[in-house]
Amino acid sequence: QVQLVESGGGLVQAGGSLRLSCAASGRTISSYDLGWFRQAPGKEREFVAAKRRSRGSTYYADSVKGRFTISGDNAKNTVYLQMNSLKPEDTAVYYCAADAYTGSNYYTARGYGYWGQGTQVTVSS
């Protein structure tokens, strides 16, 4: 199994950028479908981005498309979420997730069996 630890969250002004990191241990990230989710207070956890193991296909929620980029560094066994042009509505706890195979559930939390502890992102207006 794989263990995931997020970092890189913080406070940023609207329009700014952050890069979240998710360091994996136990197994190589190339063995997994990878995802980023977020959860704002009082709201359900929602899909942000995913990177499939096969062919490296990437997927994004409409709300972040064109602003966020998911990528992986196999040498560092780390997956990243580059977030640009941040908006106050991006404020949430961000979680990385992994699973050996998500299939058509890559955009749902139930598709992933492994989760990090989360990192807080706060965007001020």
C-alpha atoms as a PDB file:
ATOM      1  CA  GLN A   1       0.000   0.000   0.000  1.00  0.00           C
ATOM      2  CA  VAL A   2       0.957   3.646  -0.308  1.00  0.00           C
ATOM      3  CA  GLN A   3       1.133   6.455   2.236  1.00  0.00           C
ATOM      4  CA  LEU A   4       0.471  10.035   1.130  1.00  0.00           C
ATOM      5  CA  VAL A   5       1.544  13.293   2.784  1.00  0.00           C
ATOM      6  CA  GLU A   6       0.470  16.677   1.403  1.00  0.00           C
ATOM      7  CA  SER A   7       2.291  19.962   1.856  1.00  0.00           C
ATOM      8  CA  GLY A   8       2.435  23.407   0.311  1.00  0.00           C
ATOM      9  CA  GLY A   9      -0.833  24.882   1.494  1.00  0.00           C
ATOM     10  CA  GLY A  10      -1.077  28.340   2.954  1.00  0.00           C
ATOM     11  CA  LEU A  11      -2.595  31.801   2.698  1.00  0.00           C
ATOM     12  CA  VAL A  12      -2.447  33.601  -0.639  1.00  0.00           C
ATOM     13  CA  GLN A  13      -4.143  36.622  -2.152  1.00  0.00           C
ATOM     14  CA  ALA A  14      -6.610  36.259  -4.988  1.00  0.00           C
ATOM     15  CA  GLY A  15      -4.796  35.984  -8.283  1.00  0.00           C
ATOM     16  CA  GLY A  16      -1.785  34.354  -6.688  1.00  0.00           C
ATOM     17  CA  SER A  17      -0.344  30.869  -7.069  1.00  0.00           C
ATOM     18  CA  LEU A  18       0.489  27.875  -4.897  1.00  0.00           C
ATOM     19  CA  ARG A  19       1.965  24.488  -5.630  1.00  0.00           C
ATOM     20  CA  LEU A  20       0.771  21.602  -3.520  1.00  0.00           C
ATOM     21  CA  SER A  21       2.928  18.524  -3.147  1.00  0.00           C
ATOM     22  CA  CYS A  22       1.907  15.012  -2.228  1.00  0.00           C
ATOM     23  CA  ALA A  23       4.826  12.786  -1.267  1.00  0.00           C
ATOM     24  CA  ALA A  24       4.181   9.077  -1.566  1.00  0.00           C
ATOM     25  CA  SER A  25       5.929   6.274   0.281  1.00  0.00           C
ATOM     26  CA  GLY A  26       5.545   2.543   0.318  1.00  0.00           C
ATOM     27  CA  ARG A  27       4.819   2.186  -3.390  1.00  0.00           C
ATOM     28  CA  THR A  28       5.749   4.143  -6.475  1.00  0.00           C
ATOM     29  CA  ILE A  29       3.178   6.636  -7.771  1.00  0.00           C
ATOM     30  CA  SER A  30       3.511   5.173 -11.255  1.00  0.00           C
ATOM     31  CA  SER A  31       1.501   2.214  -9.934  1.00  0.00           C
ATOM     32  CA  TYR A  32      -1.532   4.363  -9.149  1.00  0.00           C
ATOM     33  CA  ASP A  33      -4.220   6.563 -10.519  1.00  0.00           C
ATOM     34  CA  LEU A  34      -3.816   9.857  -8.680  1.00  0.00           C
ATOM     35  CA  GLY A  35      -6.286  12.527  -7.711  1.00  0.00           C
ATOM     36  CA  TRP A  36      -6.690  15.818  -5.921  1.00  0.00           C
ATOM     37  CA  PHE A  37      -9.887  16.672  -4.074  1.00  0.00           C
ATOM     38  CA  ARG A  38     -10.913  19.574  -1.865  1.00  0.00           C
ATOM     39  CA  GLN A  39     -13.413  20.169   0.883  1.00  0.00           C
ATOM     40  CA  ALA A  40     -14.647  23.560   2.032  1.00  0.00           C
ATOM     41  CA  PRO A  41     -16.383  24.020   5.393  1.00  0.00           C
ATOM     42  CA  GLY A  42     -19.938  22.724   5.295  1.00  0.00           C
ATOM     43  CA  LYS A  43     -19.505  21.241   1.834  1.00  0.00           C
ATOM     44  CA  GLU A  44     -18.883  17.790   0.469  1.00  0.00           C
ATOM     45  CA  ARG A  45     -15.478  16.732  -0.780  1.00  0.00           C
ATOM     46  CA  GLU A  46     -15.224  17.579  -4.461  1.00  0.00           C
ATOM     47  CA  PHE A  47     -13.063  16.477  -7.341  1.00  0.00           C
ATOM     48  CA  VAL A  48     -10.331  18.824  -8.516  1.00  0.00           C
ATOM     49  CA  ALA A  49      -7.984  16.893 -10.810  1.00  0.00           C
ATOM     50  CA  ALA A  50      -6.865  13.381 -11.684  1.00  0.00           C
ATOM     51  CA  LYS A  51      -3.975  11.730 -13.474  1.00  0.00           C
ATOM     52  CA  ARG A  52      -4.504   8.228 -14.735  1.00  0.00           C
ATOM     53  CA  ARG A  53      -1.729   5.654 -14.534  1.00  0.00           C
ATOM     54  CA  SER A  54      -2.332   4.452 -18.060  1.00  0.00           C
ATOM     55  CA  ARG A  55      -1.209   6.950 -20.728  1.00  0.00           C
ATOM     56  CA  GLY A  56      -0.941   9.664 -18.076  1.00  0.00           C
ATOM     57  CA  SER A  57      -4.296  11.164 -19.047  1.00  0.00           C
ATOM     58  CA  THR A  58      -5.341  14.131 -16.939  1.00  0.00           C
ATOM     59  CA  TYR A  59      -8.793  15.401 -16.011  1.00  0.00           C
ATOM     60  CA  TYR A  60      -9.976  18.564 -14.311  1.00  0.00           C
ATOM     61  CA  ALA A  61     -13.094  19.931 -12.719  1.00  0.00           C
ATOM     62  CA  ASP A  62     -14.629  22.682 -14.830  1.00  0.00           C
ATOM     63  CA  SER A  63     -14.095  25.140 -11.980  1.00  0.00           C
ATOM     64  CA  VAL A  64     -10.296  24.773 -12.147  1.00  0.00           C
ATOM     65  CA  LYS A  65      -9.698  23.954 -15.806  1.00  0.00           C
ATOM     66  CA  GLY A  66      -7.087  26.250 -17.289  1.00  0.00           C
ATOM     67  CA  ARG A  67      -5.873  27.365 -13.857  1.00  0.00           C
ATOM     68  CA  PHE A  68      -4.711  24.151 -12.137  1.00  0.00           C
ATOM     69  CA  THR A  69      -2.299  21.502 -13.378  1.00  0.00           C
ATOM     70  CA  ILE A  70      -1.706  18.025 -11.958  1.00  0.00           C
ATOM     71  CA  SER A  71       1.663  16.433 -12.561  1.00  0.00           C
ATOM     72  CA  GLY A  72       3.880  13.714 -11.172  1.00  0.00           C
ATOM     73  CA  ASP A  73       7.600  13.248 -10.627  1.00  0.00           C
ATOM     74  CA  ASN A  74       8.378   9.539 -10.502  1.00  0.00           C
ATOM     75  CA  ALA A  75      11.979  10.161  -9.396  1.00  0.00           C
ATOM     76  CA  LYS A  76      10.722  12.047  -6.334  1.00  0.00           C
ATOM     77  CA  ASN A  77       7.651   9.843  -5.995  1.00  0.00           C
ATOM     78  CA  THR A  78       5.595  13.003  -5.638  1.00  0.00           C
ATOM     79  CA  VAL A  79       2.445  14.324  -7.286  1.00  0.00           C
ATOM     80  CA  TYR A  80       1.868  18.055  -7.587  1.00  0.00           C
ATOM     81  CA  LEU A  81      -1.037  20.410  -8.028  1.00  0.00           C
ATOM     82  CA  GLN A  82       0.023  23.754  -9.490  1.00  0.00           C
ATOM     83  CA  MET A  83      -2.682  26.305  -8.768  1.00  0.00           C
ATOM     84  CA  ASN A  84      -2.651  29.645 -10.596  1.00  0.00           C
ATOM     85  CA  SER A  85      -5.065  32.567 -10.679  1.00  0.00           C
ATOM     86  CA  LEU A  86      -6.467  31.521  -7.340  1.00  0.00           C
ATOM     87  CA  LYS A  87      -9.904  32.714  -6.290  1.00  0.00           C
ATOM     88  CA  PRO A  88     -11.494  32.994  -2.828  1.00  0.00           C
ATOM     89  CA  GLU A  89     -13.808  30.131  -3.778  1.00  0.00           C
ATOM     90  CA  ASP A  90     -10.748  27.874  -4.059  1.00  0.00           C
ATOM     91  CA  THR A  91     -10.397  28.064  -0.278  1.00  0.00           C
ATOM     92  CA  ALA A  92     -10.587  24.526   1.123  1.00  0.00           C
ATOM     93  CA  VAL A  93      -8.627  21.661   2.572  1.00  0.00           C
ATOM     94  CA  TYR A  94      -6.942  19.901  -0.330  1.00  0.00           C
ATOM     95  CA  TYR A  95      -6.404  16.139  -0.294  1.00  0.00           C
ATOM     96  CA  CYS A  96      -4.397  13.908  -2.568  1.00  0.00           C
ATOM     97  CA  ALA A  97      -5.626  10.405  -3.240  1.00  0.00           C
ATOM     98  CA  ALA A  98      -4.447   7.252  -4.970  1.00  0.00           C
ATOM     99  CA  ASP A  99      -5.804   3.943  -6.122  1.00  0.00           C
ATOM    100  CA  ALA A 100      -4.483   1.133  -8.237  1.00  0.00           C
ATOM    101  CA  TYR A 101      -7.432   1.514 -10.596  1.00  0.00           C
ATOM    102  CA  THR A 102     -10.216   4.091 -10.457  1.00  0.00           C
ATOM    103  CA  GLY A 103     -11.897   3.228 -13.745  1.00  0.00           C
ATOM    104  CA  SER A 104     -14.823   5.519 -14.427  1.00  0.00           C
ATOM    105  CA  ASN A 105     -14.740   6.661 -10.784  1.00  0.00           C
ATOM    106  CA  TYR A 106     -11.621   8.816 -11.177  1.00  0.00           C
ATOM    107  CA  TYR A 107     -13.685  11.918 -10.389  1.00  0.00           C
ATOM    108  CA  THR A 108     -15.345  10.529  -7.259  1.00  0.00           C
ATOM    109  CA  ALA A 109     -13.944  10.128  -3.768  1.00  0.00           C
ATOM    110  CA  ARG A 110     -15.151   6.530  -3.597  1.00  0.00           C
ATOM    111  CA  GLY A 111     -12.819   5.690  -6.467  1.00  0.00           C
ATOM    112  CA  TYR A 112      -9.754   6.101  -4.245  1.00  0.00           C
ATOM    113  CA  GLY A 113      -8.613   3.881  -1.415  1.00  0.00           C
ATOM    114  CA  TYR A 114      -5.658   5.894  -0.163  1.00  0.00           C
ATOM    115  CA  TRP A 115      -5.761   9.459   1.129  1.00  0.00           C
ATOM    116  CA  GLY A 116      -3.441  12.012   2.594  1.00  0.00           C
ATOM    117  CA  GLN A 117      -4.239  14.068   5.692  1.00  0.00           C
ATOM    118  CA  GLY A 118      -4.974  17.258   3.763  1.00  0.00           C
ATOM    119  CA  THR A 119      -3.452  20.712   3.550  1.00  0.00           C
ATOM    120  CA  GLN A 120      -5.301  24.005   4.030  1.00  0.00           C
ATOM    121  CA  VAL A 121      -5.450  26.533   1.208  1.00  0.00           C
ATOM    122  CA  THR A 122      -6.907  29.940   1.998  1.00  0.00           C
ATOM    123  CA  VAL A 123      -7.359  32.571  -0.703  1.00  0.00           C
ATOM    124  CA  SER A 124      -8.082  36.089   0.493  1.00  0.00           C
ATOM    125  CA  SER A 125      -9.976  38.636  -1.581  1.00  0.00           C
END
